[in-house]
Amino acid sequence: IMPVNKRYDLETLLSSINNYQRKTKRRVTFEWAAIQGENDDEQAARKLGKLLKRHSVKDAHVNVIPLNPTKGFSGKKSSNVDTFCRTLQDEFRISATPRVRRGIDID
C-alpha cells in the first residue's frame, strides 16, 4: 500500500527495528490502519503478533486507527478494533490501543 515498501520491504524494516531495540532498549510503536473487513479481525491480529514475535520485537505498542473514508472506500467504523487489540494483548502480550477517528467530518 505504501510506496516506501518498494524500497524497504517488511523484512528489512523489522530487522532494523530489532537492531534498534537491541542497541537502545527502547519501545517501538506501530501504527495499524484498520480497514473494516480487510485487516481488523482476530486473524490479522494473530498474523501481526506472530510476525513481531518471529522478528524478536520485544517491547512494542500498536496504535490501531480505523481508516477514514476516502474515494472508493466507505470508511465504516470497524466493530472489530477492540477484539483486534485484545487478541494482541492476550495472546502475544503486545499492548494495543484503539484510536479515536479524527477528521472524519472533513471533506
N, C-alpha and C. Protein backbone atom coordinates (compact mmCIF):
# COMPACT_ATOMS: atom_id res chain seq x y z
N ILE A 1 0.83 -1.20 0.00
CA ILE A 1 0.00 0.00 0.00
C ILE A 1 0.87 1.25 0.00
N MET A 2 1.95 1.23 0.77
CA MET A 2 2.80 2.41 0.90
C MET A 2 3.95 2.34 -0.10
N PRO A 3 4.19 3.42 -0.84
CA PRO A 3 5.28 3.43 -1.83
C PRO A 3 6.66 3.13 -1.24
N VAL A 4 6.88 3.50 0.03
CA VAL A 4 8.18 3.26 0.64
C VAL A 4 8.48 1.76 0.73
N ASN A 5 7.42 0.92 0.72
CA ASN A 5 7.62 -0.53 0.80
C ASN A 5 8.33 -1.09 -0.40
N LYS A 6 8.34 -0.37 -1.50
CA LYS A 6 9.08 -0.82 -2.68
C LYS A 6 10.58 -0.72 -2.44
N ARG A 7 10.96 0.22 -1.62
CA ARG A 7 12.37 0.42 -1.34
C ARG A 7 12.82 -0.36 -0.09
N TYR A 8 12.00 -0.34 0.94
CA TYR A 8 12.32 -1.03 2.20
C TYR A 8 11.20 -2.02 2.49
N ASP A 9 11.47 -3.30 2.25
CA ASP A 9 10.43 -4.30 2.48
C ASP A 9 10.25 -4.55 3.97
N LEU A 10 9.22 -5.29 4.31
CA LEU A 10 8.86 -5.53 5.70
C LEU A 10 9.97 -6.25 6.46
N GLU A 11 10.62 -7.20 5.83
CA GLU A 11 11.70 -7.94 6.49
C GLU A 11 12.85 -7.00 6.87
N THR A 12 13.20 -6.10 5.96
CA THR A 12 14.28 -5.13 6.23
C THR A 12 13.88 -4.20 7.36
N LEU A 13 12.64 -3.73 7.35
CA LEU A 13 12.15 -2.84 8.40
C LEU A 13 12.21 -3.53 9.76
N LEU A 14 11.69 -4.75 9.85
CA LEU A 14 11.66 -5.45 11.13
C LEU A 14 13.05 -5.80 11.63
N SER A 15 13.96 -6.10 10.73
CA SER A 15 15.35 -6.34 11.11
C SER A 15 15.97 -5.07 11.69
N SER A 16 15.67 -3.94 11.08
CA SER A 16 16.18 -2.65 11.57
C SER A 16 15.60 -2.32 12.94
N ILE A 17 14.33 -2.62 13.13
CA ILE A 17 13.68 -2.38 14.42
C ILE A 17 14.33 -3.24 15.50
N ASN A 18 14.59 -4.49 15.17
CA ASN A 18 15.23 -5.39 16.11
C ASN A 18 16.60 -4.86 16.51
N ASN A 19 17.39 -4.43 15.54
CA ASN A 19 18.72 -3.86 15.83
C ASN A 19 18.60 -2.61 16.70
N TYR A 20 17.63 -1.75 16.37
CA TYR A 20 17.40 -0.52 17.15
C TYR A 20 17.08 -0.87 18.60
N GLN A 21 16.19 -1.82 18.81
CA GLN A 21 15.81 -2.17 20.18
C GLN A 21 16.96 -2.81 20.95
N ARG A 22 17.76 -3.61 20.28
CA ARG A 22 18.91 -4.21 20.96
C ARG A 22 19.88 -3.14 21.44
N LYS A 23 20.07 -2.12 20.63
CA LYS A 23 21.03 -1.07 20.97
C LYS A 23 20.48 -0.07 21.99
N THR A 24 19.21 0.28 21.87
CA THR A 24 18.65 1.36 22.69
C THR A 24 17.79 0.89 23.85
N LYS A 25 17.28 -0.34 23.78
CA LYS A 25 16.36 -0.87 24.79
C LYS A 25 15.07 -0.05 24.89
N ARG A 26 14.70 0.59 23.78
CA ARG A 26 13.51 1.45 23.77
C ARG A 26 12.32 0.75 23.13
N ARG A 27 11.16 1.19 23.53
CA ARG A 27 9.90 0.69 23.00
C ARG A 27 9.67 1.24 21.59
N VAL A 28 9.02 0.42 20.76
CA VAL A 28 8.69 0.82 19.40
C VAL A 28 7.17 0.85 19.28
N THR A 29 6.66 1.87 18.60
CA THR A 29 5.22 1.99 18.37
C THR A 29 4.93 1.79 16.89
N PHE A 30 3.93 0.96 16.62
CA PHE A 30 3.47 0.72 15.27
C PHE A 30 2.09 1.36 15.10
N GLU A 31 1.84 1.90 13.93
CA GLU A 31 0.52 2.45 13.60
C GLU A 31 -0.16 1.47 12.64
N TRP A 32 -1.31 0.97 13.01
CA TRP A 32 -2.04 -0.01 12.20
C TRP A 32 -3.31 0.64 11.69
N ALA A 33 -3.39 0.87 10.39
CA ALA A 33 -4.60 1.43 9.78
C ALA A 33 -5.60 0.30 9.59
N ALA A 34 -6.60 0.25 10.44
CA ALA A 34 -7.59 -0.84 10.42
C ALA A 34 -8.63 -0.58 9.34
N ILE A 35 -8.70 -1.50 8.40
CA ILE A 35 -9.67 -1.41 7.31
C ILE A 35 -10.73 -2.48 7.57
N GLN A 36 -11.96 -2.02 7.78
CA GLN A 36 -13.03 -2.95 8.13
C GLN A 36 -13.14 -4.08 7.10
N GLY A 37 -13.13 -5.32 7.61
CA GLY A 37 -13.28 -6.48 6.76
C GLY A 37 -12.01 -6.89 6.02
N GLU A 38 -10.93 -6.14 6.19
CA GLU A 38 -9.67 -6.44 5.49
C GLU A 38 -8.57 -6.86 6.47
N ASN A 39 -8.33 -6.05 7.48
CA ASN A 39 -7.21 -6.32 8.38
C ASN A 39 -7.53 -5.93 9.83
N ASP A 40 -8.78 -6.11 10.22
CA ASP A 40 -9.19 -5.68 11.55
C ASP A 40 -9.74 -6.81 12.42
N ASP A 41 -9.48 -8.06 12.03
CA ASP A 41 -10.05 -9.18 12.78
C ASP A 41 -8.98 -9.91 13.58
N GLU A 42 -9.43 -10.94 14.31
CA GLU A 42 -8.51 -11.72 15.15
C GLU A 42 -7.41 -12.38 14.32
N GLN A 43 -7.75 -12.84 13.14
CA GLN A 43 -6.76 -13.49 12.27
C GLN A 43 -5.64 -12.52 11.91
N ALA A 44 -6.00 -11.28 11.58
CA ALA A 44 -4.99 -10.26 11.24
C ALA A 44 -4.14 -9.93 12.46
N ALA A 45 -4.77 -9.86 13.64
CA ALA A 45 -4.02 -9.58 14.87
C ALA A 45 -3.02 -10.70 15.15
N ARG A 46 -3.47 -11.94 14.94
CA ARG A 46 -2.55 -13.08 15.16
C ARG A 46 -1.40 -13.06 14.17
N LYS A 47 -1.70 -12.71 12.94
CA LYS A 47 -0.65 -12.64 11.92
C LYS A 47 0.39 -11.57 12.30
N LEU A 48 -0.09 -10.41 12.76
CA LEU A 48 0.82 -9.34 13.20
C LEU A 48 1.61 -9.78 14.42
N GLY A 49 0.92 -10.37 15.40
CA GLY A 49 1.60 -10.82 16.61
C GLY A 49 2.70 -11.83 16.31
N LYS A 50 2.41 -12.80 15.45
CA LYS A 50 3.40 -13.80 15.08
C LYS A 50 4.58 -13.18 14.33
N LEU A 51 4.27 -12.22 13.47
CA LEU A 51 5.33 -11.54 12.72
C LEU A 51 6.28 -10.80 13.66
N LEU A 52 5.73 -10.08 14.62
CA LEU A 52 6.58 -9.33 15.56
C LEU A 52 7.37 -10.28 16.45
N LYS A 53 6.76 -11.36 16.90
CA LYS A 53 7.47 -12.33 17.73
C LYS A 53 8.58 -13.03 16.93
N ARG A 54 8.29 -13.39 15.68
CA ARG A 54 9.28 -14.06 14.84
C ARG A 54 10.52 -13.19 14.64
N HIS A 55 10.34 -11.89 14.63
CA HIS A 55 11.46 -10.97 14.45
C HIS A 55 11.99 -10.44 15.77
N SER A 56 11.58 -11.07 16.86
CA SER A 56 12.08 -10.73 18.20
C SER A 56 11.85 -9.28 18.57
N VAL A 57 10.76 -8.70 18.10
CA VAL A 57 10.40 -7.35 18.54
C VAL A 57 9.88 -7.50 19.96
N LYS A 58 10.59 -6.92 20.91
CA LYS A 58 10.30 -7.15 22.33
C LYS A 58 9.24 -6.21 22.88
N ASP A 59 9.60 -4.99 23.11
CA ASP A 59 8.71 -4.03 23.74
C ASP A 59 8.06 -3.19 22.66
N ALA A 60 6.83 -3.53 22.32
CA ALA A 60 6.13 -2.84 21.23
C ALA A 60 4.75 -2.41 21.68
N HIS A 61 4.25 -1.40 21.02
CA HIS A 61 2.88 -0.94 21.21
C HIS A 61 2.28 -0.72 19.83
N VAL A 62 0.99 -1.06 19.68
CA VAL A 62 0.31 -0.88 18.40
C VAL A 62 -0.86 0.07 18.60
N ASN A 63 -0.83 1.18 17.88
CA ASN A 63 -1.98 2.08 17.81
C ASN A 63 -2.84 1.60 16.65
N VAL A 64 -4.08 1.25 16.93
CA VAL A 64 -4.97 0.74 15.90
C VAL A 64 -5.93 1.87 15.51
N ILE A 65 -5.79 2.32 14.27
CA ILE A 65 -6.50 3.51 13.80
C ILE A 65 -7.49 3.12 12.70
N PRO A 66 -8.79 3.21 12.97
CA PRO A 66 -9.77 2.92 11.91
C PRO A 66 -9.58 3.90 10.75
N LEU A 67 -9.51 3.37 9.54
CA LEU A 67 -9.30 4.20 8.36
C LEU A 67 -10.52 5.08 8.09
N ASN A 68 -10.28 6.35 7.84
CA ASN A 68 -11.36 7.29 7.50
C ASN A 68 -11.80 7.07 6.06
N PRO A 69 -13.02 7.50 5.72
CA PRO A 69 -13.50 7.34 4.34
C PRO A 69 -12.62 8.10 3.34
N THR A 70 -12.46 7.51 2.18
CA THR A 70 -11.75 8.15 1.07
C THR A 70 -12.52 7.80 -0.20
N LYS A 71 -12.09 8.32 -1.32
CA LYS A 71 -12.71 7.92 -2.58
C LYS A 71 -12.52 6.42 -2.78
N GLY A 72 -13.61 5.72 -2.99
CA GLY A 72 -13.53 4.28 -3.21
C GLY A 72 -13.55 3.45 -1.94
N PHE A 73 -13.61 4.09 -0.78
CA PHE A 73 -13.67 3.36 0.48
C PHE A 73 -14.64 4.06 1.41
N SER A 74 -15.63 3.33 1.89
CA SER A 74 -16.68 3.95 2.71
C SER A 74 -16.20 4.33 4.09
N GLY A 75 -15.19 3.65 4.61
CA GLY A 75 -14.63 4.01 5.91
C GLY A 75 -15.58 3.77 7.06
N LYS A 76 -16.39 2.73 6.98
CA LYS A 76 -17.29 2.41 8.08
C LYS A 76 -16.48 2.10 9.32
N LYS A 77 -17.01 2.50 10.47
CA LYS A 77 -16.31 2.23 11.72
C LYS A 77 -16.23 0.73 11.95
N SER A 78 -15.04 0.27 12.20
CA SER A 78 -14.83 -1.16 12.43
C SER A 78 -15.34 -1.54 13.80
N SER A 79 -16.09 -2.61 13.85
CA SER A 79 -16.57 -3.12 15.13
C SER A 79 -15.57 -4.13 15.70
N ASN A 80 -14.52 -4.42 14.96
CA ASN A 80 -13.55 -5.44 15.36
C ASN A 80 -12.31 -4.88 16.04
N VAL A 81 -12.16 -3.58 16.10
CA VAL A 81 -10.92 -2.97 16.61
C VAL A 81 -10.63 -3.41 18.04
N ASP A 82 -11.64 -3.43 18.90
CA ASP A 82 -11.41 -3.83 20.29
C ASP A 82 -10.95 -5.29 20.37
N THR A 83 -11.55 -6.15 19.56
CA THR A 83 -11.16 -7.56 19.53
C THR A 83 -9.74 -7.71 19.00
N PHE A 84 -9.39 -6.94 17.99
CA PHE A 84 -8.04 -6.94 17.42
C PHE A 84 -7.03 -6.60 18.54
N CYS A 85 -7.31 -5.54 19.26
CA CYS A 85 -6.40 -5.11 20.35
C CYS A 85 -6.31 -6.16 21.45
N ARG A 86 -7.45 -6.71 21.84
CA ARG A 86 -7.47 -7.72 22.89
C ARG A 86 -6.69 -8.98 22.48
N THR A 87 -6.78 -9.36 21.23
CA THR A 87 -6.04 -10.53 20.73
C THR A 87 -4.54 -10.30 20.84
N LEU A 88 -4.08 -9.12 20.43
CA LEU A 88 -2.65 -8.81 20.55
C LEU A 88 -2.21 -8.85 22.01
N GLN A 89 -3.02 -8.29 22.89
CA GLN A 89 -2.66 -8.23 24.30
C GLN A 89 -2.69 -9.59 24.97
N ASP A 90 -3.78 -10.32 24.76
CA ASP A 90 -3.98 -11.59 25.46
C ASP A 90 -3.09 -12.71 24.94
N GLU A 91 -2.93 -12.79 23.63
CA GLU A 91 -2.20 -13.92 23.05
C GLU A 91 -0.70 -13.65 22.84
N PHE A 92 -0.32 -12.37 22.72
CA PHE A 92 1.08 -12.06 22.39
C PHE A 92 1.74 -11.09 23.36
N ARG A 93 0.97 -10.62 24.33
CA ARG A 93 1.48 -9.63 25.29
C ARG A 93 2.03 -8.39 24.60
N ILE A 94 1.35 -7.99 23.54
CA ILE A 94 1.68 -6.76 22.81
C ILE A 94 0.60 -5.75 23.14
N SER A 95 0.98 -4.64 23.75
CA SER A 95 -0.02 -3.64 24.10
C SER A 95 -0.57 -2.99 22.83
N ALA A 96 -1.85 -2.70 22.86
CA ALA A 96 -2.52 -2.11 21.69
C ALA A 96 -3.62 -1.18 22.17
N THR A 97 -3.78 -0.08 21.47
CA THR A 97 -4.77 0.92 21.82
C THR A 97 -5.63 1.26 20.61
N PRO A 98 -6.95 1.12 20.74
CA PRO A 98 -7.81 1.59 19.65
C PRO A 98 -7.85 3.11 19.68
N ARG A 99 -7.63 3.74 18.57
CA ARG A 99 -7.61 5.19 18.50
C ARG A 99 -8.95 5.74 18.04
N VAL A 100 -9.22 6.94 18.49
CA VAL A 100 -10.45 7.64 18.08
C VAL A 100 -10.25 8.18 16.67
N ARG A 101 -11.27 8.02 15.84
CA ARG A 101 -11.19 8.56 14.47
C ARG A 101 -11.25 10.08 14.56
N ARG A 102 -10.32 10.73 13.89
CA ARG A 102 -10.27 12.19 13.85
C ARG A 102 -10.36 12.66 12.41
N GLY A 103 -10.92 13.84 12.22
CA GLY A 103 -11.01 14.41 10.89
C GLY A 103 -12.08 13.77 10.04
N ILE A 104 -12.95 12.99 10.66
CA ILE A 104 -13.99 12.29 9.92
C ILE A 104 -14.99 13.26 9.28
N ASP A 105 -15.09 14.45 9.85
CA ASP A 105 -16.07 15.43 9.34
C ASP A 105 -15.49 16.35 8.27
N ILE A 106 -14.25 16.14 7.89
CA ILE A 106 -13.59 16.99 6.91
C ILE A 106 -13.79 16.40 5.51
N ASP A 107 -14.20 17.22 4.56
CA ASP A 107 -14.37 16.76 3.17
C ASP A 107 -13.07 16.86 2.41
